[in-house]
Amino acid sequence: MGNKVALALCVLAPAVIVSACGTGSSNGPTATTQTASLAGQHRHTDPRKGCNAQGINRAQLGTGACTEAGVQYVVANYGGVVKLKHLAAGIVNVSIAPADAGHGRTARPMRDAFLRMTLQVQNRDTVPHRFSFGQTMLGIGQDDYLERVDVERNVHGESLAGVNGGMIGPGETQRGDVLFDITEGDYAQLQRAGRFFVWDFGRRASARLSRGGQVGQIRLYAAERG
């Protein structure tokens, strides 16, 4: 099962770095740096207007900010960057593993395998902020997956919220992982129906989106257009 899923992820989006396929490993977390930056290619959009009216939908794959059912979305395609009020985030790597090990412990998924996403997050504010455990969510079709926070806290040594205690200084960027425990059936849907969600600093992911809130969404089924 692992090899089949790894192959699917390896061809997810050739325009983006997708490495460490299979069980995989990375070079570890990257400490905050003042020089690193995130740049997104978004046309002008009006966050007060509807998503469909601006072509920000599955059919047209538009990117930018819009509002739907009272929730403000900031949308990018895979390889792009979402810019929230105080946070900018992009996915730099996707990998899978049948288990996770670190800190002298081993964790195994409750479902089929761990999906590991390496993110780069920038603090756009003028004061420090903490990137928290449980600040992201993975949606595949009708299923929503919250992070395996217990594994991120106690096992995975490269968790984004664990690097420097999750603290990111003004203008700085930080790199690290978030983990999801998902089924083999949803792996098969990842390229067709996968969406990654990230909340701003101080917010916690929830499958029930709140009116008046803001959330970033990266489409895993579409690569960023050059």
Protein backbone atom coordinates (compact mmCIF):
# COMPACT_ATOMS: atom_id res chain seq x y z
CA MET A 1 0.00 0.00 0.00
CA GLY A 2 2.75 2.47 0.91
CA ASN A 3 4.52 2.24 -2.47
CA LYS A 4 1.24 2.75 -4.34
CA VAL A 5 0.38 5.81 -2.32
CA ALA A 6 3.90 7.20 -2.60
CA LEU A 7 3.74 6.98 -6.38
CA ALA A 8 0.48 8.92 -6.41
CA LEU A 9 2.03 11.68 -4.34
CA CYS A 10 5.18 11.81 -6.45
CA VAL A 11 3.13 12.80 -9.50
CA LEU A 12 0.83 15.13 -7.59
CA ALA A 13 2.16 18.36 -9.07
CA PRO A 14 5.40 18.32 -11.08
CA ALA A 15 5.67 22.11 -10.92
CA VAL A 16 6.25 21.91 -7.17
CA ILE A 17 8.89 20.19 -5.07
CA VAL A 18 7.39 16.87 -3.95
CA SER A 19 10.11 14.72 -2.45
CA ALA A 20 10.73 12.19 0.29
CA CYS A 21 8.20 9.85 -1.29
CA GLY A 22 7.67 6.47 0.31
CA THR A 23 8.72 6.45 3.96
CA GLY A 24 10.99 9.41 3.28
CA SER A 25 12.76 11.92 5.47
CA SER A 26 13.71 15.56 5.28
CA ASN A 27 16.71 17.58 6.33
CA GLY A 28 14.91 18.56 9.51
CA PRO A 29 13.24 21.75 10.64
CA THR A 30 14.59 25.09 9.53
CA ALA A 31 15.06 27.77 12.15
CA THR A 32 13.54 31.18 11.61
CA THR A 33 15.39 33.47 9.24
CA GLN A 34 14.94 37.14 8.47
CA THR A 35 15.95 36.79 4.82
CA ALA A 36 13.56 34.04 3.73
CA SER A 37 10.34 35.20 2.11
CA LEU A 38 7.17 33.85 0.58
CA ALA A 39 5.82 35.23 -2.66
CA GLY A 40 2.47 34.38 -4.18
CA GLN A 41 1.11 35.09 -7.64
CA HIS A 42 -2.44 36.32 -7.14
CA ARG A 43 -4.47 38.61 -9.34
CA HIS A 44 -6.46 41.38 -7.68
CA THR A 45 -9.58 40.12 -5.96
CA ASP A 46 -12.12 41.62 -3.59
CA PRO A 47 -12.41 39.70 -0.30
CA ARG A 48 -15.94 41.09 0.15
CA LYS A 49 -17.24 39.56 -3.10
CA GLY A 50 -18.38 36.01 -3.69
CA CYS A 51 -16.00 33.28 -4.75
CA ASN A 52 -17.90 32.11 -7.84
CA ALA A 53 -18.36 35.67 -9.07
CA GLN A 54 -14.57 36.06 -9.16
CA GLY A 55 -13.81 32.66 -10.69
CA ILE A 56 -12.40 31.34 -7.42
CA ASN A 57 -13.87 27.88 -7.79
CA ARG A 58 -13.00 24.37 -8.91
CA ALA A 59 -13.96 25.00 -12.52
CA GLN A 60 -11.95 28.17 -13.14
CA LEU A 61 -9.23 27.64 -10.51
CA GLY A 62 -8.98 31.34 -9.75
CA THR A 63 -6.90 32.38 -6.75
CA GLY A 64 -7.15 35.21 -4.25
CA ALA A 65 -9.59 36.32 -1.56
CA CYS A 66 -13.38 35.95 -1.54
CA THR A 67 -16.30 35.34 0.79
CA GLU A 68 -18.66 32.37 0.77
CA ALA A 69 -21.42 31.76 3.36
CA GLY A 70 -19.92 34.45 5.56
CA VAL A 71 -16.42 32.91 5.60
CA GLN A 72 -13.52 34.71 3.95
CA TYR A 73 -11.27 32.36 1.98
CA VAL A 74 -7.80 33.11 0.69
CA VAL A 75 -7.17 30.52 -2.01
CA ALA A 76 -4.06 29.32 -3.83
CA ASN A 77 -3.27 26.36 -6.04
CA TYR A 78 -0.63 23.81 -5.07
CA GLY A 79 2.75 25.52 -5.25
CA GLY A 80 1.27 28.91 -4.42
CA VAL A 81 1.03 30.85 -1.17
CA VAL A 82 -1.94 31.98 0.88
CA LYS A 83 -1.61 35.31 2.66
CA LEU A 84 -3.82 35.81 5.68
CA LYS A 85 -3.90 38.90 7.85
CA HIS A 86 -0.79 38.00 9.85
CA LEU A 87 0.44 34.80 8.21
CA ALA A 88 1.62 33.59 4.81
CA ALA A 89 1.93 29.86 4.16
CA GLY A 90 2.93 27.49 1.38
CA ILE A 91 3.47 23.74 1.03
CA VAL A 92 7.04 22.81 0.11
CA ASN A 93 6.95 19.02 0.45
CA VAL A 94 4.51 16.11 0.76
CA SER A 95 5.40 12.60 1.89
CA ILE A 96 3.84 9.53 3.50
CA ALA A 97 4.96 6.98 6.06
CA PRO A 98 3.49 3.82 7.62
CA ALA A 99 4.76 4.98 11.03
CA ASP A 100 6.57 7.86 12.71
CA ALA A 101 9.51 7.71 15.10
CA GLY A 102 11.32 10.23 17.27
CA HIS A 103 12.15 11.18 20.85
CA GLY A 104 12.64 7.48 21.57
CA ARG A 105 9.04 6.68 20.63
CA THR A 106 7.24 5.14 17.66
CA ALA A 107 3.71 6.02 16.59
CA ARG A 108 1.53 4.11 14.14
CA PRO A 109 -1.54 5.50 12.38
CA MET A 110 -5.01 4.60 13.52
CA ARG A 111 -6.08 4.51 9.87
CA ASP A 112 -3.69 3.54 7.03
CA ALA A 113 -0.70 5.92 6.99
CA PHE A 114 0.59 9.32 8.00
CA LEU A 115 0.46 12.09 5.42
CA ARG A 116 3.22 14.55 6.21
CA MET A 117 3.20 18.10 4.86
CA THR A 118 6.19 20.36 5.19
CA LEU A 119 5.12 23.99 5.32
CA GLN A 120 6.92 27.28 5.17
CA VAL A 121 5.15 29.92 7.23
CA GLN A 122 5.95 33.62 7.44
CA ASN A 123 4.91 36.07 10.13
CA ARG A 124 3.64 39.13 8.26
CA ASP A 125 3.03 41.11 11.44
CA THR A 126 5.24 43.53 13.40
CA VAL A 127 5.12 41.44 16.59
CA PRO A 128 6.05 37.79 17.28
CA HIS A 129 3.41 35.09 16.89
CA ARG A 130 3.19 31.41 17.75
CA PHE A 131 2.24 28.79 15.18
CA SER A 132 0.19 26.35 17.23
CA PHE A 133 -0.44 22.63 17.13
CA GLY A 134 -3.78 22.00 15.40
CA GLN A 135 -3.77 25.13 13.24
CA THR A 136 -4.31 23.27 9.94
CA MET A 137 -6.75 20.79 8.40
CA LEU A 138 -6.80 18.48 5.38
CA GLY A 139 -9.96 18.03 3.36
CA ILE A 140 -10.38 15.17 0.87
CA GLY A 141 -13.76 14.87 -0.75
CA GLN A 142 -16.32 14.85 2.07
CA ASP A 143 -13.75 13.96 4.73
CA ASP A 144 -11.98 16.48 6.95
CA TYR A 145 -8.84 15.50 8.86
CA LEU A 146 -7.44 17.43 11.77
CA GLU A 147 -3.77 17.08 12.69
CA ARG A 148 -2.51 14.17 14.76
CA VAL A 149 -1.43 16.60 17.45
CA ASP A 150 -0.47 13.82 19.88
CA VAL A 151 2.11 12.48 17.42
CA GLU A 152 3.33 15.97 16.52
CA ARG A 153 3.87 16.82 20.20
CA ASN A 154 5.37 13.59 21.46
CA VAL A 155 7.00 11.79 18.54
CA HIS A 156 7.62 13.84 15.42
CA GLY A 157 10.78 15.88 15.88
CA GLU A 158 10.16 18.16 12.91
CA SER A 159 6.70 19.46 13.81
CA LEU A 160 6.24 23.07 12.78
CA ALA A 161 4.66 24.00 16.12
CA GLY A 162 7.61 22.45 17.93
CA VAL A 163 10.36 24.40 16.16
CA ASN A 164 11.42 27.20 18.53
CA GLY A 165 8.24 26.50 20.45
CA GLY A 166 6.32 27.61 17.36
CA MET A 167 7.43 31.22 17.83
CA ILE A 168 8.05 33.22 14.65
CA GLY A 169 9.43 36.74 14.84
CA PRO A 170 8.23 39.73 12.80
CA GLY A 171 8.96 39.19 9.11
CA GLU A 172 10.59 35.81 9.77
CA THR A 173 9.80 32.44 8.22
CA GLN A 174 9.84 28.98 9.72
CA ARG A 175 9.68 25.53 8.16
CA GLY A 176 8.33 22.31 9.65
CA ASP A 177 5.74 19.56 9.35
CA VAL A 178 2.11 18.90 10.12
CA LEU A 179 0.83 15.30 10.18
CA PHE A 180 -2.48 13.76 9.19
CA ASP A 181 -3.67 10.19 9.72
CA ILE A 182 -5.80 9.26 6.71
CA THR A 183 -7.25 6.27 4.88
CA GLU A 184 -6.00 4.53 1.77
CA GLY A 185 -9.29 5.37 0.06
CA ASP A 186 -8.70 9.07 0.58
CA TYR A 187 -5.13 8.78 -0.71
CA ALA A 188 -6.66 7.74 -4.00
CA GLN A 189 -8.77 10.92 -3.99
CA LEU A 190 -5.97 13.31 -3.01
CA GLN A 191 -5.21 14.48 -6.54
CA ARG A 192 -8.88 14.90 -7.41
CA ALA A 193 -10.39 16.32 -4.23
CA GLY A 194 -7.63 17.35 -1.82
CA ARG A 195 -7.61 20.76 -0.10
CA PHE A 196 -5.30 22.00 2.63
CA PHE A 197 -6.57 24.61 5.11
CA VAL A 198 -4.58 26.89 7.39
CA TRP A 199 -5.83 29.36 9.99
CA ASP A 200 -4.21 32.63 11.08
CA PHE A 201 -2.11 32.90 14.23
CA GLY A 202 -4.17 32.45 17.37
CA ARG A 203 -6.81 30.34 15.59
CA ARG A 204 -7.46 26.62 15.77
CA ALA A 205 -8.60 24.44 12.89
CA SER A 206 -12.21 23.28 12.90
CA ALA A 207 -14.28 21.35 10.39
CA ARG A 208 -17.09 23.82 11.11
CA LEU A 209 -16.01 27.16 9.67
CA SER A 210 -17.17 30.26 11.53
CA ARG A 211 -18.92 33.15 9.83
CA GLY A 212 -16.75 36.24 9.90
CA GLY A 213 -13.58 34.15 10.09
CA GLN A 214 -10.72 33.91 7.61
CA VAL A 215 -9.08 30.71 6.41
CA GLY A 216 -6.44 29.91 3.81
CA GLN A 217 -7.01 27.09 1.33
CA ILE A 218 -4.47 25.44 -0.98
CA ARG A 219 -5.91 23.18 -3.68
CA LEU A 220 -3.94 19.94 -3.86
CA TYR A 221 -5.68 18.99 -7.10
CA ALA A 222 -4.34 21.95 -9.10
CA ALA A 223 -0.81 23.25 -9.61
CA GLU A 224 -0.01 26.95 -9.48
CA ARG A 225 -0.03 28.48 -12.93
CA GLY A 226 3.12 30.34 -13.96
